PDB file of all heavy atoms in Angstrom:
ATOM      1  N   PRO A   1    -145.933 160.173 131.273  1.00  0.00           N
ATOM      2  CA  PRO A   1    -147.237 159.952 130.639  1.00  0.00           C
ATOM      3  C   PRO A   1    -147.829 161.217 130.023  1.00  0.00           C
ATOM      4  O   PRO A   1    -147.623 162.324 130.525  1.00  0.00           O
ATOM      5  CB  PRO A   1    -148.116 159.458 131.793  1.00  0.00           C
ATOM      6  CG  PRO A   1    -147.162 158.908 132.791  1.00  0.00           C
ATOM      7  CD  PRO A   1    -145.938 159.776 132.690  1.00  0.00           C
ATOM      8  N   VAL A   2    -148.545 161.038 128.950  1.00  0.00           N
ATOM      9  CA  VAL A   2    -149.348 162.109 128.369  1.00  0.00           C
ATOM     10  C   VAL A   2    -150.586 162.283 129.248  1.00  0.00           C
ATOM     11  O   VAL A   2    -151.223 161.298 129.643  1.00  0.00           O
ATOM     12  CB  VAL A   2    -149.769 161.751 126.929  1.00  0.00           C
ATOM     13  CG1 VAL A   2    -150.699 162.826 126.359  1.00  0.00           C
ATOM     14  CG2 VAL A   2    -148.544 161.554 126.047  1.00  0.00           C
ATOM     15  N   ILE A   3    -150.928 163.517 129.575  1.00  0.00           N
ATOM     16  CA  ILE A   3    -152.104 163.800 130.396  1.00  0.00           C
ATOM     17  C   ILE A   3    -153.246 164.246 129.495  1.00  0.00           C
ATOM     18  O   ILE A   3    -153.098 165.195 128.727  1.00  0.00           O
ATOM     19  CB  ILE A   3    -151.808 164.887 131.445  1.00  0.00           C
ATOM     20  CG1 ILE A   3    -150.623 164.476 132.331  1.00  0.00           C
ATOM     21  CG2 ILE A   3    -153.046 165.177 132.278  1.00  0.00           C
ATOM     22  CD1 ILE A   3    -150.843 163.198 133.102  1.00  0.00           C
ATOM     23  N   ASP A   4    -154.374 163.544 129.576  1.00  0.00           N
ATOM     24  CA  ASP A   4    -155.532 163.881 128.749  1.00  0.00           C
ATOM     25  C   ASP A   4    -156.787 163.921 129.625  1.00  0.00           C
ATOM     26  O   ASP A   4    -157.245 162.877 130.100  1.00  0.00           O
ATOM     27  CB  ASP A   4    -155.709 162.862 127.620  1.00  0.00           C
ATOM     28  CG  ASP A   4    -156.629 163.370 126.522  1.00  0.00           C
ATOM     29  OD1 ASP A   4    -157.679 163.953 126.860  1.00  0.00           O
ATOM     30  OD2 ASP A   4    -156.313 163.174 125.328  1.00  0.00           O
ATOM     31  N   PRO A   5    -157.348 165.106 129.875  1.00  0.00           N
ATOM     32  CA  PRO A   5    -158.511 165.222 130.764  1.00  0.00           C
ATOM     33  C   PRO A   5    -159.781 164.591 130.209  1.00  0.00           C
ATOM     34  O   PRO A   5    -160.757 164.440 130.942  1.00  0.00           O
ATOM     35  CB  PRO A   5    -158.675 166.734 130.930  1.00  0.00           C
ATOM     36  CG  PRO A   5    -158.031 167.325 129.721  1.00  0.00           C
ATOM     37  CD  PRO A   5    -156.892 166.413 129.386  1.00  0.00           C
ATOM     38  N   ARG A   6    -159.777 164.208 128.948  1.00  0.00           N
ATOM     39  CA  ARG A   6    -160.995 163.613 128.378  1.00  0.00           C
ATOM     40  C   ARG A   6    -161.313 162.251 128.980  1.00  0.00           C
ATOM     41  O   ARG A   6    -162.442 161.764 128.851  1.00  0.00           O
ATOM     42  CB  ARG A   6    -160.866 163.505 126.858  1.00  0.00           C
ATOM     43  CG  ARG A   6    -160.864 164.848 126.158  1.00  0.00           C
ATOM     44  CD  ARG A   6    -160.712 164.683 124.652  1.00  0.00           C
ATOM     45  NE  ARG A   6    -159.406 164.118 124.303  1.00  0.00           N
ATOM     46  CZ  ARG A   6    -159.032 163.802 123.064  1.00  0.00           C
ATOM     47  NH1 ARG A   6    -159.880 163.990 122.057  1.00  0.00           N
ATOM     48  NH2 ARG A   6    -157.825 163.319 122.823  1.00  0.00           N
ATOM     49  N   ILE A   7    -160.352 161.611 129.638  1.00  0.00           N
ATOM     50  CA  ILE A   7    -160.626 160.299 130.243  1.00  0.00           C
ATOM     51  C   ILE A   7    -160.741 160.389 131.762  1.00  0.00           C
ATOM     52  O   ILE A   7    -160.656 159.379 132.458  1.00  0.00           O
ATOM     53  CB  ILE A   7    -159.576 159.251 129.832  1.00  0.00           C
ATOM     54  CG1 ILE A   7    -158.153 159.749 130.105  1.00  0.00           C
ATOM     55  CG2 ILE A   7    -159.758 158.857 128.383  1.00  0.00           C
ATOM     56  CD1 ILE A   7    -157.105 158.660 129.944  1.00  0.00           C
ATOM     57  N   LYS A   8    -160.969 161.604 132.277  1.00  0.00           N
ATOM     58  CA  LYS A   8    -161.207 161.744 133.712  1.00  0.00           C
ATOM     59  C   LYS A   8    -162.613 161.236 134.051  1.00  0.00           C
ATOM     60  O   LYS A   8    -163.441 160.980 133.171  1.00  0.00           O
ATOM     61  CB  LYS A   8    -161.031 163.195 134.148  1.00  0.00           C
ATOM     62  CG  LYS A   8    -162.135 164.122 133.690  1.00  0.00           C
ATOM     63  CD  LYS A   8    -161.756 165.583 133.788  1.00  0.00           C
ATOM     64  CE  LYS A   8    -161.244 166.025 135.111  1.00  0.00           C
ATOM     65  NZ  LYS A   8    -160.880 167.463 135.139  1.00  0.00           N
ATOM     66  N   GLU A   9    -162.877 161.106 135.339  1.00  0.00           N
ATOM     67  CA  GLU A   9    -164.169 160.625 135.811  1.00  0.00           C
ATOM     68  C   GLU A   9    -165.290 161.597 135.413  1.00  0.00           C
ATOM     69  O   GLU A   9    -165.031 162.750 135.063  1.00  0.00           O
ATOM     70  CB  GLU A   9    -164.112 160.458 137.326  1.00  0.00           C
ATOM     71  CG  GLU A   9    -165.311 159.781 137.961  1.00  0.00           C
ATOM     72  CD  GLU A   9    -165.596 158.405 137.389  1.00  0.00           C
ATOM     73  OE1 GLU A   9    -166.176 158.365 136.274  1.00  0.00           O
ATOM     74  OE2 GLU A   9    -165.273 157.406 138.037  1.00  0.00           O
ATOM     75  N   ILE A  10    -166.524 161.128 135.461  1.00  0.00           N
ATOM     76  CA  ILE A  10    -167.660 162.003 135.166  1.00  0.00           C
ATOM     77  C   ILE A  10    -167.689 163.138 136.190  1.00  0.00           C
ATOM     78  O   ILE A  10    -167.381 162.949 137.369  1.00  0.00           O
ATOM     79  CB  ILE A  10    -168.990 161.216 135.178  1.00  0.00           C
ATOM     80  CG1 ILE A  10    -170.147 162.114 134.709  1.00  0.00           C
ATOM     81  CG2 ILE A  10    -169.260 160.588 136.536  1.00  0.00           C
ATOM     82  CD1 ILE A  10    -171.435 161.355 134.440  1.00  0.00           C
ATOM     83  N   GLY A  11    -168.028 164.332 135.722  1.00  0.00           N
ATOM     84  CA  GLY A  11    -168.065 165.502 136.590  1.00  0.00           C
ATOM     85  C   GLY A  11    -169.426 165.671 137.250  1.00  0.00           C
ATOM     86  O   GLY A  11    -170.443 165.774 136.562  1.00  0.00           O
ATOM     87  N   PHE A  12    -169.439 165.716 138.573  1.00  0.00           N
ATOM     88  CA  PHE A  12    -170.691 165.873 139.311  1.00  0.00           C
ATOM     89  C   PHE A  12    -170.862 167.278 139.878  1.00  0.00           C
ATOM     90  O   PHE A  12    -171.637 167.496 140.807  1.00  0.00           O
ATOM     91  CB  PHE A  12    -170.787 164.841 140.436  1.00  0.00           C
ATOM     92  CG  PHE A  12    -171.188 163.465 139.963  1.00  0.00           C
ATOM     93  CD1 PHE A  12    -170.588 162.330 140.484  1.00  0.00           C
ATOM     94  CD2 PHE A  12    -172.165 163.307 138.989  1.00  0.00           C
ATOM     95  CE1 PHE A  12    -170.963 161.070 140.061  1.00  0.00           C
ATOM     96  CE2 PHE A  12    -172.551 162.045 138.554  1.00  0.00           C
ATOM     97  CZ  PHE A  12    -171.944 160.925 139.085  1.00  0.00           C
ATOM     98  N   GLY A  13    -170.144 168.258 139.320  1.00  0.00           N
ATOM     99  CA  GLY A  13    -170.381 169.644 139.686  1.00  0.00           C
ATOM    100  C   GLY A  13    -170.211 169.925 141.159  1.00  0.00           C
ATOM    101  O   GLY A  13    -169.204 169.557 141.769  1.00  0.00           O
ATOM    102  N   ILE A  14    -171.220 170.537 141.757  1.00  0.00           N
ATOM    103  CA  ILE A  14    -171.126 170.947 143.156  1.00  0.00           C
ATOM    104  C   ILE A  14    -171.018 169.767 144.121  1.00  0.00           C
ATOM    105  O   ILE A  14    -170.696 169.964 145.300  1.00  0.00           O
ATOM    106  CB  ILE A  14    -172.333 171.823 143.570  1.00  0.00           C
ATOM    107  CG1 ILE A  14    -173.652 171.047 143.405  1.00  0.00           C
ATOM    108  CG2 ILE A  14    -172.360 173.122 142.788  1.00  0.00           C
ATOM    109  CD1 ILE A  14    -174.842 171.769 143.996  1.00  0.00           C
ATOM    110  N   ALA A  15    -171.243 168.555 143.648  1.00  0.00           N
ATOM    111  CA  ALA A  15    -171.113 167.381 144.511  1.00  0.00           C
ATOM    112  C   ALA A  15    -169.657 167.026 144.779  1.00  0.00           C
ATOM    113  O   ALA A  15    -169.367 166.267 145.715  1.00  0.00           O
ATOM    114  CB  ALA A  15    -171.830 166.184 143.899  1.00  0.00           C
ATOM    115  N   CYS A  16    -168.729 167.567 143.981  1.00  0.00           N
ATOM    116  CA  CYS A  16    -167.309 167.304 144.218  1.00  0.00           C
ATOM    117  C   CYS A  16    -166.921 167.825 145.603  1.00  0.00           C
ATOM    118  O   CYS A  16    -167.255 168.948 145.966  1.00  0.00           O
ATOM    119  CB  CYS A  16    -166.454 167.961 143.147  1.00  0.00           C
ATOM    120  SG  CYS A  16    -166.627 167.202 141.515  1.00  0.00           S
ATOM    121  N   GLY A  17    -166.233 166.990 146.347  1.00  0.00           N
ATOM    122  CA  GLY A  17    -165.856 167.357 147.707  1.00  0.00           C
ATOM    123  C   GLY A  17    -166.916 167.028 148.742  1.00  0.00           C
ATOM    124  O   GLY A  17    -166.691 167.232 149.938  1.00  0.00           O
ATOM    125  N   LYS A  18    -168.044 166.510 148.288  1.00  0.00           N
ATOM    126  CA  LYS A  18    -169.130 166.157 149.202  1.00  0.00           C
ATOM    127  C   LYS A  18    -169.143 164.634 149.444  1.00  0.00           C
ATOM    128  O   LYS A  18    -168.511 163.856 148.735  1.00  0.00           O
ATOM    129  CB  LYS A  18    -170.475 166.581 148.607  1.00  0.00           C
ATOM    130  CG  LYS A  18    -170.593 168.066 148.302  1.00  0.00           C
ATOM    131  CD  LYS A  18    -170.649 168.896 149.552  1.00  0.00           C
ATOM    132  CE  LYS A  18    -171.223 170.300 149.317  1.00  0.00           C
ATOM    133  NZ  LYS A  18    -170.521 171.066 148.267  1.00  0.00           N
ATOM    134  N   SER A  19    -169.915 164.232 150.444  1.00  0.00           N
ATOM    135  CA  SER A  19    -170.024 162.813 150.770  1.00  0.00           C
ATOM    136  C   SER A  19    -171.023 162.121 149.843  1.00  0.00           C
ATOM    137  O   SER A  19    -171.870 162.767 149.203  1.00  0.00           O
ATOM    138  CB  SER A  19    -170.475 162.637 152.217  1.00  0.00           C
ATOM    139  OG  SER A  19    -171.826 163.065 152.361  1.00  0.00           O
ATOM    140  N   ARG A  20    -170.921 160.813 149.793  1.00  0.00           N
ATOM    141  CA  ARG A  20    -171.890 160.043 148.999  1.00  0.00           C
ATOM    142  C   ARG A  20    -173.297 160.193 149.560  1.00  0.00           C
ATOM    143  O   ARG A  20    -174.276 160.215 148.814  1.00  0.00           O
ATOM    144  CB  ARG A  20    -171.488 158.564 148.972  1.00  0.00           C
ATOM    145  CG  ARG A  20    -170.184 158.299 148.261  1.00  0.00           C
ATOM    146  CD  ARG A  20    -169.791 156.848 148.327  1.00  0.00           C
ATOM    147  NE  ARG A  20    -168.432 156.661 147.846  1.00  0.00           N
ATOM    148  CZ  ARG A  20    -167.758 155.528 147.929  1.00  0.00           C
ATOM    149  NH1 ARG A  20    -168.320 154.474 148.496  1.00  0.00           N
ATOM    150  NH2 ARG A  20    -166.522 155.444 147.462  1.00  0.00           N
ATOM    151  N   GLU A  21    -173.385 160.304 150.864  1.00  0.00           N
ATOM    152  CA  GLU A  21    -174.696 160.522 151.490  1.00  0.00           C
ATOM    153  C   GLU A  21    -175.286 161.850 151.040  1.00  0.00           C
ATOM    154  O   GLU A  21    -176.474 161.940 150.721  1.00  0.00           O
ATOM    155  CB  GLU A  21    -174.575 160.476 153.013  1.00  0.00           C
ATOM    156  CG  GLU A  21    -175.905 160.651 153.728  1.00  0.00           C
ATOM    157  CD  GLU A  21    -175.774 160.583 155.241  1.00  0.00           C
ATOM    158  OE1 GLU A  21    -174.631 160.552 155.740  1.00  0.00           O
ATOM    159  OE2 GLU A  21    -176.819 160.575 155.918  1.00  0.00           O
ATOM    160  N   TRP A  22    -174.464 162.907 151.022  1.00  0.00           N
ATOM    161  CA  TRP A  22    -174.931 164.204 150.546  1.00  0.00           C
ATOM    162  C   TRP A  22    -175.409 164.098 149.112  1.00  0.00           C
ATOM    163  O   TRP A  22    -176.448 164.670 148.734  1.00  0.00           O
ATOM    164  CB  TRP A  22    -173.806 165.241 150.661  1.00  0.00           C
ATOM    165  CG  TRP A  22    -174.229 166.643 150.306  1.00  0.00           C
ATOM    166  CD1 TRP A  22    -174.649 167.610 151.157  1.00  0.00           C
ATOM    167  CD2 TRP A  22    -174.278 167.217 148.985  1.00  0.00           C
ATOM    168  NE1 TRP A  22    -174.965 168.760 150.471  1.00  0.00           N
ATOM    169  CE2 TRP A  22    -174.750 168.540 149.122  1.00  0.00           C
ATOM    170  CE3 TRP A  22    -173.981 166.753 147.716  1.00  0.00           C
ATOM    171  CZ2 TRP A  22    -174.923 169.391 148.044  1.00  0.00           C
ATOM    172  CZ3 TRP A  22    -174.155 167.592 146.628  1.00  0.00           C
ATOM    173  CH2 TRP A  22    -174.615 168.895 146.789  1.00  0.00           C
ATOM    174  N   PHE A  23    -174.658 163.360 148.296  1.00  0.00           N
ATOM    175  CA  PHE A  23    -175.036 163.173 146.894  1.00  0.00           C
ATOM    176  C   PHE A  23    -176.410 162.510 146.797  1.00  0.00           C
ATOM    177  O   PHE A  23    -177.285 162.979 146.053  1.00  0.00           O
ATOM    178  CB  PHE A  23    -173.985 162.318 146.179  1.00  0.00           C
ATOM    179  CG  PHE A  23    -174.258 162.104 144.716  1.00  0.00           C
ATOM    180  CD1 PHE A  23    -173.695 162.935 143.755  1.00  0.00           C
ATOM    181  CD2 PHE A  23    -175.083 161.070 144.282  1.00  0.00           C
ATOM    182  CE1 PHE A  23    -173.950 162.741 142.406  1.00  0.00           C
ATOM    183  CE2 PHE A  23    -175.347 160.863 142.941  1.00  0.00           C
ATOM    184  CZ  PHE A  23    -174.778 161.707 141.996  1.00  0.00           C
ATOM    185  N   ARG A  24    -176.592 161.427 147.533  1.00  0.00           N
ATOM    186  CA  ARG A  24    -177.882 160.714 147.481  1.00  0.00           C
ATOM    187  C   ARG A  24    -179.032 161.610 147.910  1.00  0.00           C
ATOM    188  O   ARG A  24    -180.137 161.530 147.355  1.00  0.00           O
ATOM    189  CB  ARG A  24    -177.815 159.471 148.375  1.00  0.00           C
ATOM    190  CG  ARG A  24    -176.946 158.351 147.839  1.00  0.00           C
ATOM    191  CD  ARG A  24    -177.166 157.067 148.621  1.00  0.00           C
ATOM    192  NE  ARG A  24    -176.745 157.195 150.012  1.00  0.00           N
ATOM    193  CZ  ARG A  24    -175.528 156.908 150.468  1.00  0.00           C
ATOM    194  NH1 ARG A  24    -174.590 156.494 149.616  1.00  0.00           N
ATOM    195  NH2 ARG A  24    -175.235 157.032 151.746  1.00  0.00           N
ATOM    196  N   ASN A  25    -178.794 162.476 148.875  1.00  0.00           N
ATOM    197  CA  ASN A  25    -179.869 163.318 149.407  1.00  0.00           C
ATOM    198  C   ASN A  25    -180.155 164.547 148.552  1.00  0.00           C
ATOM    199  O   ASN A  25    -181.230 165.154 148.692  1.00  0.00           O
ATOM    200  CB  ASN A  25    -179.519 163.777 150.826  1.00  0.00           C
ATOM    201  CG  ASN A  25    -179.528 162.634 151.821  1.00  0.00           C
ATOM    202  OD1 ASN A  25    -180.201 161.626 151.613  1.00  0.00           O
ATOM    203  ND2 ASN A  25    -178.766 162.778 152.894  1.00  0.00           N
ATOM    204  N   ASN A  26    -179.227 164.924 147.681  1.00  0.00           N
ATOM    205  CA  ASN A  26    -179.367 166.188 146.955  1.00  0.00           C
ATOM    206  C   ASN A  26    -179.407 166.075 145.433  1.00  0.00           C
ATOM    207  O   ASN A  26    -179.789 167.035 144.763  1.00  0.00           O
ATOM    208  CB  ASN A  26    -178.226 167.130 147.347  1.00  0.00           C
ATOM    209  CG  ASN A  26    -178.326 167.613 148.783  1.00  0.00           C
ATOM    210  OD1 ASN A  26    -179.018 168.571 149.088  1.00  0.00           O
ATOM    211  ND2 ASN A  26    -177.618 166.915 149.681  1.00  0.00           N
ATOM    212  N   ALA A  27    -179.016 164.935 144.892  1.00  0.00           N
ATOM    213  CA  ALA A  27    -178.998 164.787 143.441  1.00  0.00           C
ATOM    214  C   ALA A  27    -180.412 164.817 142.874  1.00  0.00           C
ATOM    215  O   ALA A  27    -181.339 164.235 143.442  1.00  0.00           O
ATOM    216  CB  ALA A  27    -178.312 163.481 143.056  1.00  0.00           C
ATOM    217  N   ALA A  28    -180.573 165.520 141.761  1.00  0.00           N
ATOM    218  CA  ALA A  28    -181.884 165.598 141.105  1.00  0.00           C
ATOM    219  C   ALA A  28    -182.232 164.264 140.469  1.00  0.00           C
ATOM    220  O   ALA A  28    -181.380 163.612 139.858  1.00  0.00           O
ATOM    221  CB  ALA A  28    -181.859 166.694 140.051  1.00  0.00           C
ATOM    222  N   LYS A  29    -183.473 163.848 140.638  1.00  0.00           N
ATOM    223  CA  LYS A  29    -183.944 162.616 140.010  1.00  0.00           C
ATOM    224  C   LYS A  29    -184.260 162.880 138.546  1.00  0.00           C
ATOM    225  O   LYS A  29    -184.687 163.974 138.170  1.00  0.00           O
ATOM    226  CB  LYS A  29    -185.189 162.093 140.722  1.00  0.00           C
ATOM    227  CG  LYS A  29    -185.013 161.894 142.228  1.00  0.00           C
ATOM    228  CD  LYS A  29    -183.939 160.883 142.546  1.00  0.00           C
ATOM    229  CE  LYS A  29    -183.821 160.663 144.051  1.00  0.00           C
ATOM    230  NZ  LYS A  29    -182.704 159.735 144.384  1.00  0.00           N
ATOM    231  N   CYS A  30    -184.039 161.889 137.730  1.00  0.00           N
ATOM    232  CA  CYS A  30    -184.354 162.041 136.308  1.00  0.00           C
ATOM    233  C   CYS A  30    -185.871 162.077 136.116  1.00  0.00           C
ATOM    234  O   CYS A  30    -186.571 161.161 136.552  1.00  0.00           O
ATOM    235  CB  CYS A  30    -183.754 160.878 135.522  1.00  0.00           C
ATOM    236  SG  CYS A  30    -183.984 161.021 133.730  1.00  0.00           S
ATOM    237  N   PRO A  31    -186.394 163.121 135.500  1.00  0.00           N
ATOM    238  CA  PRO A  31    -187.840 163.212 135.295  1.00  0.00           C
ATOM    239  C   PRO A  31    -188.363 162.059 134.437  1.00  0.00           C
ATOM    240  O   PRO A  31    -187.654 161.542 133.572  1.00  0.00           O
ATOM    241  CB  PRO A  31    -188.017 164.550 134.557  1.00  0.00           C
ATOM    242  CG  PRO A  31    -186.775 165.322 134.863  1.00  0.00           C
ATOM    243  CD  PRO A  31    -185.682 164.300 134.984  1.00  0.00           C
ATOM    244  N   GLU A  32    -189.581 161.682 134.708  1.00  0.00           N
ATOM    245  CA  GLU A  32    -190.216 160.628 133.911  1.00  0.00           C
ATOM    246  C   GLU A  32    -190.310 161.094 132.454  1.00  0.00           C
ATOM    247  O   GLU A  32    -190.593 162.248 132.167  1.00  0.00           O
ATOM    248  CB  GLU A  32    -191.619 160.343 134.462  1.00  0.00           C
ATOM    249  CG  GLU A  32    -192.257 159.109 133.873  1.00  0.00           C
ATOM    250  CD  GLU A  32    -193.576 158.774 134.553  1.00  0.00           C
ATOM    251  OE1 GLU A  32    -193.854 159.355 135.623  1.00  0.00           O
ATOM    252  OE2 GLU A  32    -194.314 157.940 134.009  1.00  0.00           O
ATOM    253  N   ASN A  33    -190.023 160.190 131.554  1.00  0.00           N
ATOM    254  CA  ASN A  33    -190.031 160.424 130.095  1.00  0.00           C
ATOM    255  C   ASN A  33    -188.838 161.235 129.595  1.00  0.00           C
ATOM    256  O   ASN A  33    -188.749 161.533 128.405  1.00  0.00           O
ATOM    257  CB  ASN A  33    -191.330 161.106 129.640  1.00  0.00           C
ATOM    258  CG  ASN A  33    -192.560 160.271 129.948  1.00  0.00           C
ATOM    259  OD1 ASN A  33    -192.518 159.052 129.839  1.00  0.00           O
ATOM    260  ND2 ASN A  33    -193.634 160.931 130.364  1.00  0.00           N
ATOM    261  N   ALA A  34    -187.930 161.637 130.511  1.00  0.00           N
ATOM    262  CA  ALA A  34    -186.704 162.323 130.083  1.00  0.00           C
ATOM    263  C   ALA A  34    -185.665 161.287 129.676  1.00  0.00           C
ATOM    264  O   ALA A  34    -185.763 160.100 130.023  1.00  0.00           O
ATOM    265  CB  ALA A  34    -186.169 163.198 131.201  1.00  0.00           C
ATOM    266  N   ASP A  35    -184.673 161.719 128.930  1.00  0.00           N
ATOM    267  CA  ASP A  35    -183.603 160.828 128.486  1.00  0.00           C
ATOM    268  C   ASP A  35    -182.573 160.697 129.608  1.00  0.00           C
ATOM    269  O   ASP A  35    -181.868 161.663 129.917  1.00  0.00           O
ATOM    270  CB  ASP A  35    -182.937 161.411 127.230  1.00  0.00           C
ATOM    271  CG  ASP A  35    -181.855 160.513 126.670  1.00  0.00           C
ATOM    272  OD1 ASP A  35    -181.566 159.458 127.267  1.00  0.00           O
ATOM    273  OD2 ASP A  35    -181.281 160.874 125.614  1.00  0.00           O
ATOM    274  N   PRO A  36    -182.463 159.532 130.245  1.00  0.00           N
ATOM    275  CA  PRO A  36    -181.499 159.374 131.342  1.00  0.00           C
ATOM    276  C   PRO A  36    -180.067 159.652 130.914  1.00  0.00           C
ATOM    277  O   PRO A  36    -179.251 160.090 131.731  1.00  0.00           O
ATOM    278  CB  PRO A  36    -181.674 157.908 131.757  1.00  0.00           C
ATOM    279  CG  PRO A  36    -183.024 157.513 131.243  1.00  0.00           C
ATOM    280  CD  PRO A  36    -183.229 158.298 129.985  1.00  0.00           C
ATOM    281  N   GLU A  37    -179.766 159.438 129.654  1.00  0.00           N
ATOM    282  CA  GLU A  37    -178.405 159.651 129.152  1.00  0.00           C
ATOM    283  C   GLU A  37    -178.013 161.129 129.215  1.00  0.00           C
ATOM    284  O   GLU A  37    -176.839 161.458 129.381  1.00  0.00           O
ATOM    285  CB  GLU A  37    -178.307 159.140 127.717  1.00  0.00           C
ATOM    286  CG  GLU A  37    -176.917 159.128 127.123  1.00  0.00           C
ATOM    287  CD  GLU A  37    -176.019 158.034 127.683  1.00  0.00           C
ATOM    288  OE1 GLU A  37    -176.470 157.245 128.530  1.00  0.00           O
ATOM    289  OE2 GLU A  37    -174.853 157.987 127.275  1.00  0.00           O
ATOM    290  N   GLU A  38    -178.992 162.023 129.097  1.00  0.00           N
ATOM    291  CA  GLU A  38    -178.701 163.457 129.094  1.00  0.00           C
ATOM    292  C   GLU A  38    -179.079 164.139 130.405  1.00  0.00           C
ATOM    293  O   GLU A  38    -178.926 165.358 130.547  1.00  0.00           O
ATOM    294  CB  GLU A  38    -179.421 164.132 127.925  1.00  0.00           C
ATOM    295  CG  GLU A  38    -179.016 163.598 126.557  1.00  0.00           C
ATOM    296  CD  GLU A  38    -177.521 163.702 126.288  1.00  0.00           C
ATOM    297  OE1 GLU A  38    -176.871 164.608 126.842  1.00  0.00           O
ATOM    298  OE2 GLU A  38    -176.997 162.860 125.521  1.00  0.00           O
ATOM    299  N   HIS A  39    -179.543 163.366 131.378  1.00  0.00           N
ATOM    300  CA  HIS A  39    -179.919 163.932 132.675  1.00  0.00           C
ATOM    301  C   HIS A  39    -178.677 164.344 133.454  1.00  0.00           C
ATOM    302  O   HIS A  39    -177.653 163.658 133.439  1.00  0.00           O
ATOM    303  CB  HIS A  39    -180.706 162.899 133.488  1.00  0.00           C
ATOM    304  CG  HIS A  39    -180.949 163.309 134.899  1.00  0.00           C
ATOM    305  ND1 HIS A  39    -181.778 164.360 135.243  1.00  0.00           N
ATOM    306  CD2 HIS A  39    -180.455 162.812 136.072  1.00  0.00           C
ATOM    307  CE1 HIS A  39    -181.793 164.492 136.543  1.00  0.00           C
ATOM    308  NE2 HIS A  39    -181.002 163.575 137.080  1.00  0.00           N
ATOM    309  N   LYS A  40    -178.754 165.484 134.157  1.00  0.00           N
ATOM    310  CA  LYS A  40    -177.675 165.959 134.995  1.00  0.00           C
ATOM    311  C   LYS A  40    -178.127 165.952 136.455  1.00  0.00           C
ATOM    312  O   LYS A  40    -179.178 166.490 136.781  1.00  0.00           O
ATOM    313  CB  LYS A  40    -177.236 167.368 134.586  1.00  0.00           C
ATOM    314  CG  LYS A  40    -176.660 167.444 133.176  1.00  0.00           C
ATOM    315  CD  LYS A  40    -176.164 168.847 132.853  1.00  0.00           C
ATOM    316  CE  LYS A  40    -175.538 168.887 131.458  1.00  0.00           C
ATOM    317  NZ  LYS A  40    -174.950 170.220 131.158  1.00  0.00           N
ATOM    318  N   SER A  41    -177.308 165.359 137.314  1.00  0.00           N
ATOM    319  CA  SER A  41    -177.655 165.279 138.735  1.00  0.00           C
ATOM    320  C   SER A  41    -177.691 166.653 139.391  1.00  0.00           C
ATOM    321  O   SER A  41    -178.424 166.874 140.354  1.00  0.00           O
ATOM    322  CB  SER A  41    -176.651 164.387 139.468  1.00  0.00           C
ATOM    323  OG  SER A  41    -176.650 163.082 138.925  1.00  0.00           O
ATOM    324  N   PHE A  42    -176.868 167.585 138.869  1.00  0.00           N
ATOM    325  CA  PHE A  42    -176.815 168.958 139.358  1.00  0.00           C
ATOM    326  C   PHE A  42    -176.664 169.875 138.144  1.00  0.00           C
ATOM    327  O   PHE A  42    -176.155 169.448 137.104  1.00  0.00           O
ATOM    328  CB  PHE A  42    -175.639 169.144 140.330  1.00  0.00           C
ATOM    329  CG  PHE A  42    -175.697 168.232 141.511  1.00  0.00           C
ATOM    330  CD1 PHE A  42    -175.007 167.022 141.507  1.00  0.00           C
ATOM    331  CD2 PHE A  42    -176.459 168.547 142.621  1.00  0.00           C
ATOM    332  CE1 PHE A  42    -175.078 166.152 142.583  1.00  0.00           C
ATOM    333  CE2 PHE A  42    -176.532 167.685 143.715  1.00  0.00           C
ATOM    334  CZ  PHE A  42    -175.842 166.482 143.694  1.00  0.00           C
TER     335      PHE A  42
END
């Protein structure tokens, strides 16, 4: 197979290697009136 990193999963930065619970407790909430499409959890 050809390997293409452009179709890998979304990158969650420092959350990689962490639990889903840790993610829920530490991910930044999208500010009101901000564009959710461009919001970064970390």
